[in-house]
Amino acid sequence: MKHELKVIAHIRTDFPEKFGVPRQSGLIPSLTGKVVFEPEYRNEDMLRGLEGYDYIWLLWGFDDVGDGPWKPTVRPPRLGGNKKMGVFATRSPYRPNPIGLSSVKLEGTRHTADGAVLSVSGVDMRDGTPIYDIKPYIPYADCHPGVRAGFADETKYRELKVNFPEELLNKIAPGKREALTEVLRQDPRPHYQDDPDRIYGLSFAGHDVKFRVDGDEATVVDIC
């Protein structure tokens, strides 16, 4: 049996590419996005009552994983890329159905000539990601404090100290500076890359951000 998933919207974010996108939703609250509905789904009656929720679930599609066959095991970057885990024990995009799930904060609804646009924060999607569905986040059912989280509990991501020269920081719009700094603090590099001389490039909010990482410190070297 096959079911067709309909794209109801696309999200607009500051990430034109995958590199730099947070590994999970909610890690960087200052990262914002806008959910823009497709013409067929711009009936605002569909959003009636949504304003009563602080958080929503977005179900979306990984649209850059290719058409190759999925595999039962993957190598999570969190484990250095050298240990295999079952695909269903990870959030890898390389799965039978390339579907993502994100819990984001609903900041508000803006009414435009093209219908309602949802403003959200804590996003972990690149620009243009297709949205398949929206559901309200319900704390009493969706929150389970104190439970186990598998290898995610055992391998915490380290945070970097960010050295951001003022003259380069000033090239970024004031409302985007905190989010970019937090993206760098989360260390967007794959875990198996640790070359202090390598210059990394991160596309963010219309800028190409160049940085290097030496030990626990990230230094921004250029912005264009």
Protein backbone atom coordinates (compact mmCIF):
# COMPACT_ATOMS: atom_id res chain seq x y z
CA MET A 1 0.00 0.00 0.00
CA LYS A 2 1.34 3.41 -0.96
CA HIS A 3 0.32 6.78 0.43
CA GLU A 4 1.09 10.10 -1.19
CA LEU A 5 2.42 12.84 1.07
CA LYS A 6 1.27 16.30 0.08
CA VAL A 7 3.56 19.28 0.57
CA ILE A 8 1.42 21.79 2.44
CA ALA A 9 4.10 24.45 2.98
CA HIS A 10 7.78 25.32 2.82
CA ILE A 11 9.87 26.86 5.55
CA ARG A 12 12.08 29.88 4.96
CA THR A 13 15.26 29.95 7.05
CA ASP A 14 18.74 31.49 6.97
CA PHE A 15 20.41 28.24 5.85
CA PRO A 16 20.61 27.76 2.06
CA GLU A 17 22.78 24.67 2.62
CA LYS A 18 22.79 21.76 5.06
CA PHE A 19 26.14 22.57 6.69
CA GLY A 20 25.58 24.55 9.88
CA VAL A 21 21.96 23.57 10.40
CA PRO A 22 21.50 22.57 14.09
CA ARG A 23 21.47 18.85 14.72
CA GLN A 24 18.14 19.05 16.57
CA SER A 25 15.30 21.53 16.86
CA GLY A 26 15.26 23.79 19.89
CA LEU A 27 19.03 23.81 20.40
CA ILE A 28 19.26 27.44 19.25
CA PRO A 29 16.07 29.33 20.21
CA SER A 30 17.23 32.48 18.39
CA LEU A 31 17.13 30.73 15.00
CA THR A 32 13.87 31.70 13.35
CA GLY A 33 11.89 30.62 10.31
CA LYS A 34 8.63 31.28 8.50
CA VAL A 35 6.21 28.59 7.39
CA VAL A 36 4.71 29.68 4.06
CA PHE A 37 1.75 27.63 2.87
CA GLU A 38 1.17 26.39 -0.65
CA PRO A 39 -1.82 28.05 -2.41
CA GLU A 40 -4.04 25.00 -1.89
CA TYR A 41 -3.57 25.21 1.88
CA ARG A 42 -3.98 28.94 2.50
CA ASN A 43 -7.40 28.56 4.08
CA GLU A 44 -6.93 30.18 7.48
CA ASP A 45 -9.70 28.06 8.94
CA MET A 46 -7.09 25.27 9.01
CA LEU A 47 -5.19 27.24 11.67
CA ARG A 48 -8.15 28.03 13.90
CA GLY A 49 -7.16 27.38 17.52
CA LEU A 50 -3.45 26.98 16.78
CA GLU A 51 -2.74 30.31 18.48
CA GLY A 52 -3.51 28.64 21.80
CA TYR A 53 -0.34 26.54 21.64
CA ASP A 54 3.21 27.66 22.45
CA TYR A 55 4.91 24.87 20.48
CA ILE A 56 4.06 22.88 17.39
CA TRP A 57 5.42 19.80 15.63
CA LEU A 58 6.53 20.13 12.03
CA LEU A 59 6.72 16.98 9.91
CA TRP A 60 8.96 17.61 6.94
CA GLY A 61 11.01 15.98 4.21
CA PHE A 62 14.74 15.59 3.73
CA ASP A 63 14.97 16.69 0.11
CA ASP A 64 18.73 16.33 -0.38
CA VAL A 65 19.45 12.68 0.43
CA GLY A 66 19.35 11.34 -3.10
CA ASP A 67 17.49 8.35 -4.52
CA GLY A 68 19.87 5.62 -3.42
CA PRO A 69 18.68 2.61 -1.40
CA TRP A 70 18.38 2.99 2.34
CA LYS A 71 20.44 0.78 4.65
CA PRO A 72 19.48 -0.88 7.95
CA THR A 73 22.49 0.67 9.72
CA VAL A 74 24.06 4.12 9.61
CA ARG A 75 27.16 5.78 11.06
CA PRO A 76 25.95 8.64 13.28
CA PRO A 77 28.22 11.72 13.23
CA ARG A 78 27.64 11.94 16.98
CA LEU A 79 29.65 8.72 17.34
CA GLY A 80 32.47 10.00 15.16
CA GLY A 81 31.23 8.33 12.00
CA ASN A 82 33.02 5.07 12.82
CA LYS A 83 30.34 3.10 14.70
CA LYS A 84 27.22 1.60 13.18
CA MET A 85 23.77 1.90 14.74
CA GLY A 86 20.38 0.73 13.55
CA VAL A 87 18.69 3.38 11.43
CA PHE A 88 15.66 3.41 13.74
CA ALA A 89 17.93 4.17 16.71
CA THR A 90 19.05 7.38 15.01
CA ARG A 91 17.62 10.49 13.40
CA SER A 92 19.63 10.00 10.24
CA PRO A 93 17.99 11.33 7.04
CA TYR A 94 18.94 8.10 5.25
CA ARG A 95 15.91 6.02 6.16
CA PRO A 96 13.08 4.15 4.37
CA ASN A 97 10.98 7.32 4.39
CA PRO A 98 13.13 10.49 4.61
CA ILE A 99 10.84 12.27 7.07
CA GLY A 100 12.01 14.72 9.73
CA LEU A 101 10.25 15.80 12.91
CA SER A 102 10.87 19.10 14.69
CA SER A 103 9.40 20.73 17.77
CA VAL A 104 9.50 24.50 17.27
CA LYS A 105 8.13 27.46 19.19
CA LEU A 106 5.18 29.21 17.57
CA GLU A 107 6.04 32.89 17.79
CA GLY A 108 2.95 34.14 15.97
CA THR A 109 0.93 34.29 12.79
CA ARG A 110 1.30 37.03 10.21
CA HIS A 111 -1.50 37.66 7.74
CA THR A 112 -0.29 38.44 4.22
CA ALA A 113 -1.76 38.73 0.74
CA ASP A 114 -0.74 35.09 0.26
CA GLY A 115 -2.45 33.88 3.40
CA ALA A 116 -1.23 33.25 6.93
CA VAL A 117 2.48 32.78 7.59
CA LEU A 118 3.64 31.09 10.79
CA SER A 119 6.67 32.57 12.55
CA VAL A 120 8.60 29.90 14.46
CA SER A 121 11.87 29.66 16.39
CA GLY A 122 14.32 26.93 17.30
CA VAL A 123 14.37 25.67 13.72
CA ASP A 124 16.69 22.96 12.38
CA MET A 125 15.85 23.00 8.67
CA ARG A 126 17.47 24.51 5.65
CA ASP A 127 15.68 27.09 3.52
CA GLY A 128 12.91 25.72 1.31
CA THR A 129 12.40 22.46 3.23
CA PRO A 130 8.98 20.97 2.38
CA ILE A 131 6.49 20.67 5.23
CA TYR A 132 4.06 17.74 5.20
CA ASP A 133 2.04 18.37 8.33
CA ILE A 134 1.66 20.53 11.44
CA LYS A 135 0.48 19.24 14.80
CA PRO A 136 0.19 20.95 18.19
CA TYR A 137 2.72 20.12 20.88
CA ILE A 138 0.86 18.87 23.97
CA PRO A 139 3.07 18.79 27.10
CA TYR A 140 1.19 16.17 29.11
CA ALA A 141 1.43 13.69 26.23
CA ASP A 142 4.61 14.74 24.42
CA CYS A 143 6.99 15.46 27.31
CA HIS A 144 8.63 12.54 29.15
CA PRO A 145 11.25 13.91 31.58
CA GLY A 146 13.83 11.62 33.11
CA VAL A 147 13.75 8.92 30.43
CA ARG A 148 16.72 7.28 28.70
CA ALA A 149 18.04 8.67 25.41
CA GLY A 150 20.36 5.90 24.25
CA PHE A 151 23.77 6.93 22.91
CA ALA A 152 22.58 10.55 22.77
CA ASP A 153 22.90 10.60 26.57
CA GLU A 154 26.38 9.15 26.45
CA THR A 155 27.91 11.45 23.83
CA LYS A 156 27.22 15.08 24.63
CA TYR A 157 28.08 17.68 22.02
CA ARG A 158 30.78 20.02 23.18
CA GLU A 159 30.34 23.76 22.95
CA LEU A 160 33.05 25.98 21.57
CA LYS A 161 34.22 29.37 22.68
CA VAL A 162 33.56 31.73 19.77
CA ASN A 163 36.07 34.44 18.89
CA PHE A 164 34.11 36.82 16.66
CA PRO A 165 36.06 39.99 15.75
CA GLU A 166 33.85 43.04 16.10
CA GLU A 167 34.56 44.31 12.59
CA LEU A 168 33.29 41.00 11.17
CA LEU A 169 30.35 40.72 13.55
CA ASN A 170 29.18 44.16 12.41
CA LYS A 171 28.69 42.78 8.89
CA ILE A 172 25.83 40.65 10.20
CA ALA A 173 22.39 42.18 10.77
CA PRO A 174 21.89 42.85 14.51
CA GLY A 175 18.94 40.47 14.73
CA LYS A 176 21.03 37.61 13.30
CA ARG A 177 24.23 37.94 15.34
CA GLU A 178 23.15 35.91 18.36
CA ALA A 179 21.85 33.06 16.20
CA LEU A 180 25.05 32.88 14.13
CA THR A 181 27.23 32.92 17.24
CA GLU A 182 25.19 30.08 18.72
CA VAL A 183 25.48 28.07 15.49
CA LEU A 184 29.28 28.34 15.73
CA ARG A 185 29.22 27.57 19.46
CA GLN A 186 27.44 24.28 18.71
CA ASP A 187 30.38 23.27 16.45
CA PRO A 188 28.81 22.54 13.05
CA ARG A 189 31.74 20.40 11.88
CA PRO A 190 31.45 16.62 11.58
CA HIS A 191 33.00 14.98 14.64
CA TYR A 192 35.70 13.26 12.59
CA GLN A 193 37.11 16.58 11.33
CA ASP A 194 39.64 18.20 13.65
CA ASP A 195 42.17 20.08 11.55
CA PRO A 196 43.08 23.42 13.22
CA ASP A 197 44.39 24.81 9.92
CA ARG A 198 41.30 24.07 7.88
CA ILE A 199 39.01 26.96 6.94
CA TYR A 200 35.33 26.06 6.98
CA GLY A 201 32.64 27.91 5.06
CA LEU A 202 29.12 28.38 6.43
CA SER A 203 26.31 30.02 4.44
CA PHE A 204 24.01 31.99 6.73
CA ALA A 205 21.53 34.83 6.18
CA GLY A 206 23.01 35.77 2.80
CA HIS A 207 26.62 35.69 3.99
CA ASP A 208 29.52 33.28 3.56
CA VAL A 209 31.08 32.89 7.00
CA LYS A 210 34.65 31.57 7.14
CA PHE A 211 35.95 30.12 10.39
CA ARG A 212 38.52 27.74 11.83
CA VAL A 213 38.50 25.67 15.00
CA ASP A 214 41.53 25.08 17.20
CA GLY A 215 40.82 22.94 20.25
CA ASP A 216 37.73 24.34 21.96
CA GLU A 217 37.81 27.73 20.24
CA ALA A 218 36.20 28.78 16.95
CA THR A 219 37.52 31.91 15.28
CA VAL A 220 35.71 33.76 12.52
CA VAL A 221 38.28 34.81 9.92
CA ASP A 222 36.17 36.37 7.17
CA ILE A 223 32.61 37.24 6.18
CA CYS A 224 31.51 38.12 2.68
